[in-house]
N, C-alpha and C. Protein backbone atom coordinates (compact mmCIF):
# COMPACT_ATOMS: atom_id res chain seq x y z
N UNK A 1 269.42 29.55 -67.51
CA UNK A 1 269.13 30.61 -66.56
C UNK A 1 269.52 31.98 -67.11
N UNK A 2 270.66 32.05 -67.82
CA UNK A 2 271.10 33.33 -68.38
C UNK A 2 270.10 33.84 -69.40
N UNK A 3 269.46 32.93 -70.13
CA UNK A 3 268.44 33.32 -71.11
C UNK A 3 267.25 33.98 -70.42
N UNK A 4 266.80 33.40 -69.32
CA UNK A 4 265.68 33.96 -68.56
C UNK A 4 266.06 35.32 -68.00
N UNK A 5 267.27 35.43 -67.44
CA UNK A 5 267.71 36.70 -66.87
C UNK A 5 267.81 37.78 -67.93
N UNK A 6 268.34 37.44 -69.11
CA UNK A 6 268.49 38.41 -70.18
C UNK A 6 267.12 38.90 -70.63
N UNK A 7 266.15 37.98 -70.78
CA UNK A 7 264.81 38.34 -71.20
C UNK A 7 264.16 39.23 -70.14
N UNK A 8 264.33 38.91 -68.88
CA UNK A 8 263.75 39.69 -67.80
C UNK A 8 264.35 41.09 -67.78
N UNK A 9 265.66 41.20 -67.95
CA UNK A 9 266.31 42.51 -67.95
C UNK A 9 265.77 43.37 -69.09
N UNK A 10 265.59 42.77 -70.26
CA UNK A 10 265.07 43.51 -71.40
C UNK A 10 263.63 43.95 -71.15
N UNK A 11 262.82 43.05 -70.58
CA UNK A 11 261.42 43.39 -70.29
C UNK A 11 261.32 44.54 -69.30
N UNK A 12 262.19 44.55 -68.31
CA UNK A 12 262.15 45.58 -67.28
C UNK A 12 262.82 46.87 -67.70
N UNK A 13 263.56 46.82 -68.78
CA UNK A 13 264.25 48.02 -69.25
C UNK A 13 265.46 48.38 -68.43
N UNK A 14 266.08 47.40 -67.79
CA UNK A 14 267.29 47.65 -67.00
C UNK A 14 268.38 46.68 -67.46
N UNK A 15 269.62 47.14 -67.47
CA UNK A 15 270.71 46.24 -67.86
C UNK A 15 270.99 45.25 -66.74
N UNK A 16 271.47 44.06 -67.08
CA UNK A 16 271.81 43.10 -66.02
C UNK A 16 273.02 43.59 -65.23
N UNK A 17 273.04 43.28 -63.96
CA UNK A 17 274.15 43.68 -63.09
C UNK A 17 275.37 42.83 -63.41
N UNK A 18 276.52 43.46 -63.29
CA UNK A 18 277.78 42.76 -63.55
C UNK A 18 278.51 42.59 -62.22
N UNK A 19 278.79 41.34 -61.88
CA UNK A 19 279.56 41.09 -60.67
C UNK A 19 281.03 41.27 -61.01
N UNK A 20 281.69 42.10 -60.23
CA UNK A 20 283.11 42.38 -60.46
C UNK A 20 283.92 41.35 -59.69
N UNK A 21 284.39 40.35 -60.40
CA UNK A 21 285.14 39.24 -59.79
C UNK A 21 286.51 39.71 -59.32
N UNK A 22 287.29 40.25 -60.26
CA UNK A 22 288.64 40.72 -59.97
C UNK A 22 288.64 42.25 -60.01
N UNK A 23 288.49 42.87 -58.86
CA UNK A 23 288.36 44.32 -58.78
C UNK A 23 289.62 45.02 -59.30
N UNK A 24 290.78 44.48 -58.97
CA UNK A 24 292.04 45.09 -59.39
C UNK A 24 292.13 45.14 -60.92
N UNK A 25 291.80 44.05 -61.56
CA UNK A 25 291.82 43.99 -63.02
C UNK A 25 290.76 44.91 -63.61
N UNK A 26 289.58 44.91 -63.02
CA UNK A 26 288.48 45.75 -63.51
C UNK A 26 288.81 47.23 -63.39
N UNK A 27 289.48 47.61 -62.33
CA UNK A 27 289.77 49.02 -62.07
C UNK A 27 291.05 49.51 -62.75
N UNK A 28 291.75 48.62 -63.41
CA UNK A 28 293.01 49.00 -64.07
C UNK A 28 292.75 50.15 -65.06
N UNK A 29 293.41 51.28 -64.81
CA UNK A 29 293.29 52.45 -65.68
C UNK A 29 292.01 53.25 -65.47
N UNK A 30 291.26 52.95 -64.42
CA UNK A 30 290.01 53.65 -64.14
C UNK A 30 290.09 54.34 -62.79
N UNK A 31 289.35 55.42 -62.67
CA UNK A 31 289.21 56.10 -61.39
C UNK A 31 287.97 55.56 -60.69
N UNK A 32 287.99 55.54 -59.38
CA UNK A 32 286.90 54.96 -58.61
C UNK A 32 285.61 55.78 -58.68
N UNK A 33 285.73 57.09 -58.67
CA UNK A 33 284.54 57.94 -58.65
C UNK A 33 283.60 57.69 -59.84
N UNK A 34 284.10 57.71 -61.08
CA UNK A 34 283.18 57.46 -62.21
C UNK A 34 282.59 56.04 -62.18
N UNK A 35 283.39 55.08 -61.75
CA UNK A 35 282.89 53.70 -61.68
C UNK A 35 281.80 53.61 -60.62
N UNK A 36 282.02 54.21 -59.45
CA UNK A 36 281.01 54.20 -58.40
C UNK A 36 279.76 54.95 -58.84
N UNK A 37 279.93 56.05 -59.56
CA UNK A 37 278.77 56.82 -60.08
C UNK A 37 277.96 55.96 -61.02
N UNK A 38 278.62 55.24 -61.91
CA UNK A 38 277.93 54.36 -62.86
C UNK A 38 277.17 53.26 -62.12
N UNK A 39 277.81 52.67 -61.12
CA UNK A 39 277.16 51.62 -60.33
C UNK A 39 275.97 52.19 -59.55
N UNK A 40 276.14 53.39 -59.02
CA UNK A 40 275.05 54.04 -58.28
C UNK A 40 273.87 54.34 -59.20
N UNK A 41 274.15 54.79 -60.43
CA UNK A 41 273.08 55.05 -61.40
C UNK A 41 272.32 53.77 -61.72
N UNK A 42 273.05 52.69 -61.92
CA UNK A 42 272.42 51.41 -62.22
C UNK A 42 271.59 50.94 -61.02
N UNK A 43 272.14 51.15 -59.83
CA UNK A 43 271.42 50.80 -58.60
C UNK A 43 270.09 51.55 -58.52
N UNK A 44 270.11 52.83 -58.85
CA UNK A 44 268.88 53.64 -58.84
C UNK A 44 267.87 53.11 -59.87
N UNK A 45 268.36 52.67 -61.04
CA UNK A 45 267.47 52.08 -62.04
C UNK A 45 266.77 50.85 -61.47
N UNK A 46 267.52 50.01 -60.81
CA UNK A 46 266.95 48.80 -60.22
C UNK A 46 265.92 49.15 -59.15
N UNK A 47 266.24 50.12 -58.31
CA UNK A 47 265.32 50.49 -57.24
C UNK A 47 264.03 51.09 -57.82
N UNK A 48 264.14 51.88 -58.88
CA UNK A 48 262.96 52.45 -59.52
C UNK A 48 262.10 51.35 -60.13
N UNK A 49 262.72 50.42 -60.83
CA UNK A 49 261.99 49.29 -61.42
C UNK A 49 261.35 48.45 -60.32
N UNK A 50 262.06 48.26 -59.22
CA UNK A 50 261.54 47.50 -58.09
C UNK A 50 260.31 48.18 -57.50
N UNK A 51 260.35 49.49 -57.40
CA UNK A 51 259.22 50.26 -56.88
C UNK A 51 257.99 50.11 -57.79
N UNK A 52 258.22 50.19 -59.10
CA UNK A 52 257.12 50.01 -60.05
C UNK A 52 256.51 48.62 -59.91
N UNK A 53 257.36 47.61 -59.75
CA UNK A 53 256.86 46.24 -59.59
C UNK A 53 256.07 46.07 -58.29
N UNK A 54 256.50 46.72 -57.24
CA UNK A 54 255.78 46.64 -55.97
C UNK A 54 254.39 47.26 -56.11
N UNK A 55 254.30 48.38 -56.82
CA UNK A 55 253.00 49.02 -57.04
C UNK A 55 252.10 48.12 -57.89
N UNK A 56 252.68 47.51 -58.92
CA UNK A 56 251.91 46.61 -59.77
C UNK A 56 251.44 45.40 -58.98
N UNK A 57 252.30 44.86 -58.13
CA UNK A 57 251.93 43.70 -57.31
C UNK A 57 250.79 44.07 -56.37
N UNK A 58 250.85 45.24 -55.79
CA UNK A 58 249.79 45.70 -54.89
C UNK A 58 248.45 45.80 -55.63
N UNK A 59 248.48 46.41 -56.83
CA UNK A 59 247.25 46.53 -57.63
C UNK A 59 246.69 45.15 -57.98
N UNK A 60 247.58 44.25 -58.40
CA UNK A 60 247.13 42.91 -58.78
C UNK A 60 246.62 42.12 -57.58
N UNK A 61 247.26 42.30 -56.43
CA UNK A 61 246.79 41.62 -55.22
C UNK A 61 245.39 42.10 -54.81
N UNK A 62 245.05 43.33 -55.14
CA UNK A 62 243.71 43.84 -54.87
C UNK A 62 242.72 43.41 -55.95
N UNK A 63 243.19 43.27 -57.17
CA UNK A 63 242.33 42.94 -58.30
C UNK A 63 241.89 41.48 -58.32
N UNK A 64 242.80 40.57 -57.98
CA UNK A 64 242.51 39.13 -58.05
C UNK A 64 241.32 38.74 -57.17
N UNK A 65 241.25 39.16 -55.90
CA UNK A 65 240.08 38.78 -55.09
C UNK A 65 238.76 39.33 -55.65
N UNK A 66 238.79 40.56 -56.20
CA UNK A 66 237.58 41.13 -56.80
C UNK A 66 237.13 40.30 -58.00
N UNK A 67 238.08 39.89 -58.82
CA UNK A 67 237.73 39.06 -59.97
C UNK A 67 237.17 37.71 -59.53
N UNK A 68 237.76 37.13 -58.49
CA UNK A 68 237.27 35.84 -57.97
C UNK A 68 235.84 35.97 -57.45
N UNK A 69 235.57 37.04 -56.70
CA UNK A 69 234.21 37.26 -56.17
C UNK A 69 233.21 37.44 -57.31
N UNK A 70 233.60 38.24 -58.29
CA UNK A 70 232.71 38.47 -59.43
C UNK A 70 232.42 37.17 -60.19
N UNK A 71 233.46 36.37 -60.39
CA UNK A 71 233.29 35.09 -61.10
C UNK A 71 232.41 34.14 -60.29
N UNK A 72 232.61 34.09 -58.97
CA UNK A 72 231.77 33.24 -58.13
C UNK A 72 230.30 33.67 -58.21
N UNK A 73 230.06 34.97 -58.23
CA UNK A 73 228.69 35.47 -58.29
C UNK A 73 228.05 35.11 -59.63
N UNK A 74 228.78 35.27 -60.70
CA UNK A 74 228.24 34.93 -62.02
C UNK A 74 227.95 33.44 -62.10
N UNK A 75 228.85 32.62 -61.56
CA UNK A 75 228.60 31.16 -61.55
C UNK A 75 227.35 30.83 -60.73
N UNK A 76 227.18 31.51 -59.59
CA UNK A 76 225.99 31.30 -58.77
C UNK A 76 224.73 31.68 -59.55
N UNK A 77 224.77 32.82 -60.23
CA UNK A 77 223.61 33.25 -61.01
C UNK A 77 223.29 32.25 -62.13
N UNK A 78 224.31 31.71 -62.75
CA UNK A 78 224.10 30.71 -63.80
C UNK A 78 223.44 29.46 -63.22
N UNK A 79 223.96 28.98 -62.08
CA UNK A 79 223.39 27.80 -61.43
C UNK A 79 221.92 28.02 -61.06
N UNK A 80 221.64 29.17 -60.46
CA UNK A 80 220.27 29.47 -60.04
C UNK A 80 219.34 29.65 -61.24
N UNK A 81 219.86 30.25 -62.31
CA UNK A 81 219.03 30.43 -63.52
C UNK A 81 218.70 29.08 -64.13
N UNK A 82 219.68 28.18 -64.17
CA UNK A 82 219.44 26.84 -64.73
C UNK A 82 218.47 26.05 -63.87
N UNK A 83 218.51 26.25 -62.55
CA UNK A 83 217.60 25.56 -61.63
C UNK A 83 216.27 26.31 -61.50
N UNK A 84 216.16 27.43 -62.20
CA UNK A 84 214.97 28.30 -62.17
C UNK A 84 214.61 28.71 -60.74
N UNK A 85 215.66 29.09 -59.98
CA UNK A 85 215.48 29.57 -58.62
C UNK A 85 215.78 31.06 -58.56
N UNK A 86 215.09 31.75 -57.67
CA UNK A 86 215.38 33.17 -57.44
C UNK A 86 216.61 33.27 -56.54
N UNK A 87 217.31 34.40 -56.64
CA UNK A 87 218.52 34.61 -55.85
C UNK A 87 218.33 35.87 -55.01
N UNK A 88 218.52 35.74 -53.71
CA UNK A 88 218.49 36.89 -52.81
C UNK A 88 219.92 37.34 -52.55
N UNK A 89 220.17 38.63 -52.74
CA UNK A 89 221.52 39.16 -52.55
C UNK A 89 221.47 40.47 -51.77
N UNK A 90 222.55 40.75 -51.08
CA UNK A 90 222.77 42.07 -50.47
C UNK A 90 223.75 42.79 -51.39
N UNK A 91 223.43 44.01 -51.76
CA UNK A 91 224.36 44.75 -52.60
C UNK A 91 224.63 46.11 -51.98
N UNK A 92 225.79 46.63 -52.28
CA UNK A 92 226.25 47.87 -51.66
C UNK A 92 225.75 49.08 -52.44
N UNK A 93 225.04 49.95 -51.76
CA UNK A 93 224.59 51.20 -52.37
C UNK A 93 225.66 52.28 -52.24
N UNK A 94 226.26 52.35 -51.06
CA UNK A 94 227.37 53.28 -50.80
C UNK A 94 228.12 52.73 -49.60
N UNK A 95 229.11 53.46 -49.11
CA UNK A 95 229.88 52.98 -47.97
C UNK A 95 228.96 52.65 -46.81
N UNK A 96 229.05 51.41 -46.35
CA UNK A 96 228.28 50.92 -45.20
C UNK A 96 226.77 50.95 -45.38
N UNK A 97 226.28 51.09 -46.59
CA UNK A 97 224.84 51.06 -46.85
C UNK A 97 224.56 49.96 -47.86
N UNK A 98 223.79 48.96 -47.42
CA UNK A 98 223.46 47.82 -48.25
C UNK A 98 221.96 47.69 -48.39
N UNK A 99 221.55 47.05 -49.48
CA UNK A 99 220.14 46.79 -49.72
C UNK A 99 219.99 45.34 -50.14
N UNK A 100 218.78 44.81 -50.00
CA UNK A 100 218.50 43.45 -50.43
C UNK A 100 217.82 43.51 -51.79
N UNK A 101 218.14 42.49 -52.60
CA UNK A 101 217.52 42.42 -53.92
C UNK A 101 217.17 40.97 -54.21
N UNK A 102 216.11 40.79 -54.98
CA UNK A 102 215.70 39.46 -55.42
C UNK A 102 215.90 39.42 -56.92
N UNK A 103 216.77 38.51 -57.35
CA UNK A 103 217.07 38.38 -58.78
C UNK A 103 216.26 37.22 -59.32
N UNK A 104 215.41 37.53 -60.31
CA UNK A 104 214.53 36.53 -60.90
C UNK A 104 214.93 36.31 -62.35
N UNK A 105 215.22 35.06 -62.71
CA UNK A 105 215.57 34.67 -64.08
C UNK A 105 216.60 35.62 -64.72
N UNK A 106 217.79 35.70 -64.13
CA UNK A 106 218.79 36.60 -64.72
C UNK A 106 219.28 36.10 -66.08
N UNK A 107 219.46 37.04 -66.99
CA UNK A 107 219.99 36.70 -68.31
C UNK A 107 221.29 37.46 -68.56
N UNK A 108 221.43 38.62 -67.91
CA UNK A 108 222.60 39.47 -68.13
C UNK A 108 223.10 40.01 -66.80
N UNK A 109 224.35 40.47 -66.82
CA UNK A 109 224.94 41.17 -65.68
C UNK A 109 225.70 42.38 -66.22
N UNK A 110 225.88 43.36 -65.38
CA UNK A 110 226.69 44.53 -65.74
C UNK A 110 228.02 44.42 -65.01
N UNK A 111 229.09 44.61 -65.73
CA UNK A 111 230.44 44.52 -65.15
C UNK A 111 231.15 45.86 -65.31
N UNK A 112 231.81 46.27 -64.21
CA UNK A 112 232.66 47.46 -64.28
C UNK A 112 233.95 47.06 -64.99
N UNK A 113 234.30 47.80 -66.02
CA UNK A 113 235.53 47.53 -66.75
C UNK A 113 236.65 48.48 -66.34
N UNK A 114 236.32 49.50 -65.60
CA UNK A 114 237.30 50.49 -65.18
C UNK A 114 237.07 51.79 -65.91
N UNK A 115 237.69 52.85 -65.43
CA UNK A 115 237.57 54.19 -66.02
C UNK A 115 236.11 54.60 -66.15
N UNK A 116 235.30 54.27 -65.12
CA UNK A 116 233.88 54.60 -65.09
C UNK A 116 233.10 54.02 -66.27
N UNK A 117 233.49 52.83 -66.71
CA UNK A 117 232.82 52.16 -67.82
C UNK A 117 232.19 50.86 -67.30
N UNK A 118 230.91 50.71 -67.59
CA UNK A 118 230.20 49.49 -67.23
C UNK A 118 229.52 48.97 -68.49
N UNK A 119 229.64 47.65 -68.71
CA UNK A 119 229.00 47.04 -69.87
C UNK A 119 228.13 45.88 -69.43
N UNK A 120 227.10 45.64 -70.23
CA UNK A 120 226.19 44.54 -69.95
C UNK A 120 226.63 43.32 -70.75
N UNK A 121 226.67 42.17 -70.08
CA UNK A 121 227.07 40.91 -70.70
C UNK A 121 226.03 39.85 -70.38
N UNK A 122 225.92 38.86 -71.26
CA UNK A 122 225.13 37.69 -70.90
C UNK A 122 225.91 36.97 -69.80
N UNK A 123 225.23 36.08 -69.09
CA UNK A 123 225.90 35.38 -67.99
C UNK A 123 227.10 34.58 -68.50
N UNK A 124 226.96 33.91 -69.62
CA UNK A 124 228.06 33.10 -70.16
C UNK A 124 229.22 33.99 -70.63
N UNK A 125 228.90 35.11 -71.28
CA UNK A 125 229.96 36.04 -71.71
C UNK A 125 230.70 36.60 -70.49
N UNK A 126 229.95 36.93 -69.44
CA UNK A 126 230.56 37.47 -68.22
C UNK A 126 231.47 36.43 -67.58
N UNK A 127 230.99 35.18 -67.53
CA UNK A 127 231.81 34.11 -66.95
C UNK A 127 233.10 33.94 -67.75
N UNK A 128 232.98 33.95 -69.05
CA UNK A 128 234.16 33.81 -69.93
C UNK A 128 235.14 34.97 -69.73
N UNK A 129 234.60 36.18 -69.72
CA UNK A 129 235.45 37.37 -69.55
C UNK A 129 236.14 37.38 -68.19
N UNK A 130 235.40 37.10 -67.14
CA UNK A 130 235.99 37.12 -65.80
C UNK A 130 237.02 36.01 -65.63
N UNK A 131 236.75 34.84 -66.22
CA UNK A 131 237.71 33.73 -66.16
C UNK A 131 239.01 34.13 -66.85
N UNK A 132 238.87 34.73 -68.03
CA UNK A 132 240.06 35.16 -68.78
C UNK A 132 240.82 36.25 -68.01
N UNK A 133 240.09 37.23 -67.49
CA UNK A 133 240.74 38.32 -66.75
C UNK A 133 241.43 37.82 -65.49
N UNK A 134 240.80 36.85 -64.81
CA UNK A 134 241.41 36.27 -63.61
C UNK A 134 242.70 35.54 -63.96
N UNK A 135 242.67 34.76 -65.03
CA UNK A 135 243.88 34.03 -65.45
C UNK A 135 244.99 35.01 -65.83
N UNK A 136 244.64 36.08 -66.53
CA UNK A 136 245.64 37.09 -66.91
C UNK A 136 246.22 37.79 -65.68
N UNK A 137 245.36 38.12 -64.73
CA UNK A 137 245.82 38.81 -63.52
C UNK A 137 246.74 37.90 -62.71
N UNK A 138 246.40 36.63 -62.60
CA UNK A 138 247.25 35.70 -61.85
C UNK A 138 248.59 35.48 -62.57
N UNK A 139 248.56 35.41 -63.89
CA UNK A 139 249.81 35.27 -64.65
C UNK A 139 250.67 36.52 -64.48
N UNK A 140 250.05 37.69 -64.54
CA UNK A 140 250.80 38.94 -64.34
C UNK A 140 251.38 39.01 -62.93
N UNK A 141 250.62 38.53 -61.95
CA UNK A 141 251.11 38.51 -60.58
C UNK A 141 252.32 37.59 -60.45
N UNK A 142 252.25 36.43 -61.07
CA UNK A 142 253.39 35.50 -61.06
C UNK A 142 254.61 36.14 -61.73
N UNK A 143 254.37 36.82 -62.86
CA UNK A 143 255.48 37.48 -63.57
C UNK A 143 256.11 38.59 -62.73
N UNK A 144 255.28 39.38 -62.05
CA UNK A 144 255.85 40.46 -61.24
C UNK A 144 256.63 39.90 -60.06
N UNK A 145 256.17 38.79 -59.52
CA UNK A 145 256.93 38.16 -58.42
C UNK A 145 258.28 37.66 -58.94
N UNK A 146 258.28 37.02 -60.10
CA UNK A 146 259.52 36.53 -60.69
C UNK A 146 260.47 37.71 -60.98
N UNK A 147 259.90 38.77 -61.54
CA UNK A 147 260.71 39.96 -61.86
C UNK A 147 261.26 40.61 -60.59
N UNK A 148 260.47 40.60 -59.51
CA UNK A 148 260.93 41.17 -58.25
C UNK A 148 262.12 40.39 -57.69
N UNK A 149 262.07 39.07 -57.80
CA UNK A 149 263.19 38.24 -57.34
C UNK A 149 264.42 38.55 -58.18
N UNK A 150 264.24 38.64 -59.48
CA UNK A 150 265.36 38.97 -60.37
C UNK A 150 265.95 40.33 -60.00
N UNK A 151 265.10 41.32 -59.79
CA UNK A 151 265.60 42.66 -59.45
C UNK A 151 266.32 42.68 -58.11
N UNK A 152 265.80 41.93 -57.13
CA UNK A 152 266.49 41.87 -55.83
C UNK A 152 267.90 41.31 -56.01
N UNK A 153 268.03 40.31 -56.87
CA UNK A 153 269.36 39.75 -57.15
C UNK A 153 270.26 40.80 -57.78
N UNK A 154 269.72 41.59 -58.72
CA UNK A 154 270.51 42.62 -59.39
C UNK A 154 270.93 43.70 -58.41
N UNK A 155 270.03 44.06 -57.50
CA UNK A 155 270.35 45.07 -56.47
C UNK A 155 271.48 44.55 -55.59
N UNK A 156 271.38 43.30 -55.18
CA UNK A 156 272.41 42.72 -54.31
C UNK A 156 273.77 42.68 -55.01
N UNK A 157 273.79 42.24 -56.26
CA UNK A 157 275.05 42.17 -57.02
C UNK A 157 275.63 43.57 -57.15
N UNK A 158 274.80 44.56 -57.43
CA UNK A 158 275.29 45.93 -57.58
C UNK A 158 275.82 46.48 -56.27
N UNK A 159 275.12 46.21 -55.17
CA UNK A 159 275.60 46.66 -53.85
C UNK A 159 276.96 46.04 -53.53
N UNK A 160 277.11 44.76 -53.82
CA UNK A 160 278.39 44.09 -53.56
C UNK A 160 279.48 44.70 -54.44
N UNK A 161 279.17 44.95 -55.69
CA UNK A 161 280.16 45.55 -56.60
C UNK A 161 280.56 46.94 -56.12
N UNK A 162 279.59 47.73 -55.69
CA UNK A 162 279.92 49.07 -55.18
C UNK A 162 280.82 48.97 -53.96
N UNK A 163 280.52 48.06 -53.07
CA UNK A 163 281.34 47.90 -51.87
C UNK A 163 282.74 47.45 -52.23
N UNK A 164 282.85 46.54 -53.19
CA UNK A 164 284.17 46.05 -53.59
C UNK A 164 285.01 47.16 -54.23
N UNK A 165 284.38 47.97 -55.09
CA UNK A 165 285.11 49.07 -55.72
C UNK A 165 285.51 50.10 -54.67
N UNK A 166 284.59 50.42 -53.77
CA UNK A 166 284.88 51.40 -52.72
C UNK A 166 286.04 50.90 -51.84
N UNK A 167 285.97 49.65 -51.42
CA UNK A 167 287.04 49.09 -50.58
C UNK A 167 288.37 49.06 -51.32
N UNK A 168 288.33 48.74 -52.59
CA UNK A 168 289.55 48.74 -53.40
C UNK A 168 290.14 50.15 -53.44
N UNK A 169 289.27 51.15 -53.62
CA UNK A 169 289.75 52.54 -53.70
C UNK A 169 290.35 52.97 -52.36
N UNK A 170 289.72 52.61 -51.26
CA UNK A 170 290.25 52.95 -49.93
C UNK A 170 291.62 52.30 -49.75
N UNK A 171 291.73 51.04 -50.10
CA UNK A 171 292.99 50.31 -49.99
C UNK A 171 294.07 50.97 -50.86
N UNK A 172 293.69 51.31 -52.09
CA UNK A 172 294.64 51.94 -53.01
C UNK A 172 295.12 53.29 -52.46
N UNK A 173 294.20 54.07 -51.90
CA UNK A 173 294.56 55.38 -51.34
C UNK A 173 295.47 55.21 -50.12
N UNK A 174 295.20 54.23 -49.28
CA UNK A 174 296.05 54.00 -48.11
C UNK A 174 297.46 53.61 -48.55
N UNK A 175 297.53 52.73 -49.54
CA UNK A 175 298.84 52.31 -50.04
C UNK A 175 299.59 53.50 -50.63
N UNK A 176 298.88 54.36 -51.36
CA UNK A 176 299.52 55.55 -51.94
C UNK A 176 299.98 56.49 -50.83
N UNK A 177 299.19 56.65 -49.79
CA UNK A 177 299.57 57.52 -48.68
C UNK A 177 300.77 56.94 -47.93
N UNK A 178 300.80 55.63 -47.77
CA UNK A 178 301.92 54.96 -47.10
C UNK A 178 303.20 55.14 -47.91
N UNK A 179 303.10 54.95 -49.21
CA UNK A 179 304.27 55.14 -50.08
C UNK A 179 304.77 56.58 -50.02
N UNK A 180 303.85 57.50 -49.98
CA UNK A 180 304.20 58.92 -49.95
C UNK A 180 304.92 59.27 -48.65
N UNK A 181 304.48 58.73 -47.54
CA UNK A 181 305.11 59.03 -46.25
C UNK A 181 306.48 58.34 -46.16
N UNK A 182 306.59 57.15 -46.78
CA UNK A 182 307.88 56.45 -46.76
C UNK A 182 308.93 57.17 -47.61
N UNK A 183 308.49 57.84 -48.67
CA UNK A 183 309.41 58.57 -49.56
C UNK A 183 309.94 59.82 -48.86
N UNK A 184 309.24 60.37 -47.95
CA UNK A 184 309.66 61.61 -47.27
C UNK A 184 310.63 61.32 -46.22
């Protein structure tokens, strides 16, 4: 498990969180403010990485259904072409405006690749490309989910560490104040 966590931390560009088991030993010779600042900085790194992962997950969640629809359509066109049947489809011209089309003996399809780029592919090439892209998108989605779980764990460990250091500092200050009043 430590191997997976280390690899994930390196991939995300964030250091792994350190759970402070013995706060007294950890804080020996240290001031609370710099330690809390360091923990807060690390916490912010985790939250930023978590935000990036959420955006990536959202994009992938939108991309996967589009790839599935495109792949289904290409498979349908291949089936109809092999059966030498015409295909009737509704296609979108603009928002809320659709037209009907009759596809006869399709040999190629045009696919949007992004950044206003469209390329023409044979039906088999399109099927292969969409299958590969769908598999990559689903793998990336699985990876972002795994990374999100890892980051949530790191956030939790860091929050607990911050609370432990803060509580230790409060306790230390109270004890110092008590000693000071007893000396007077």
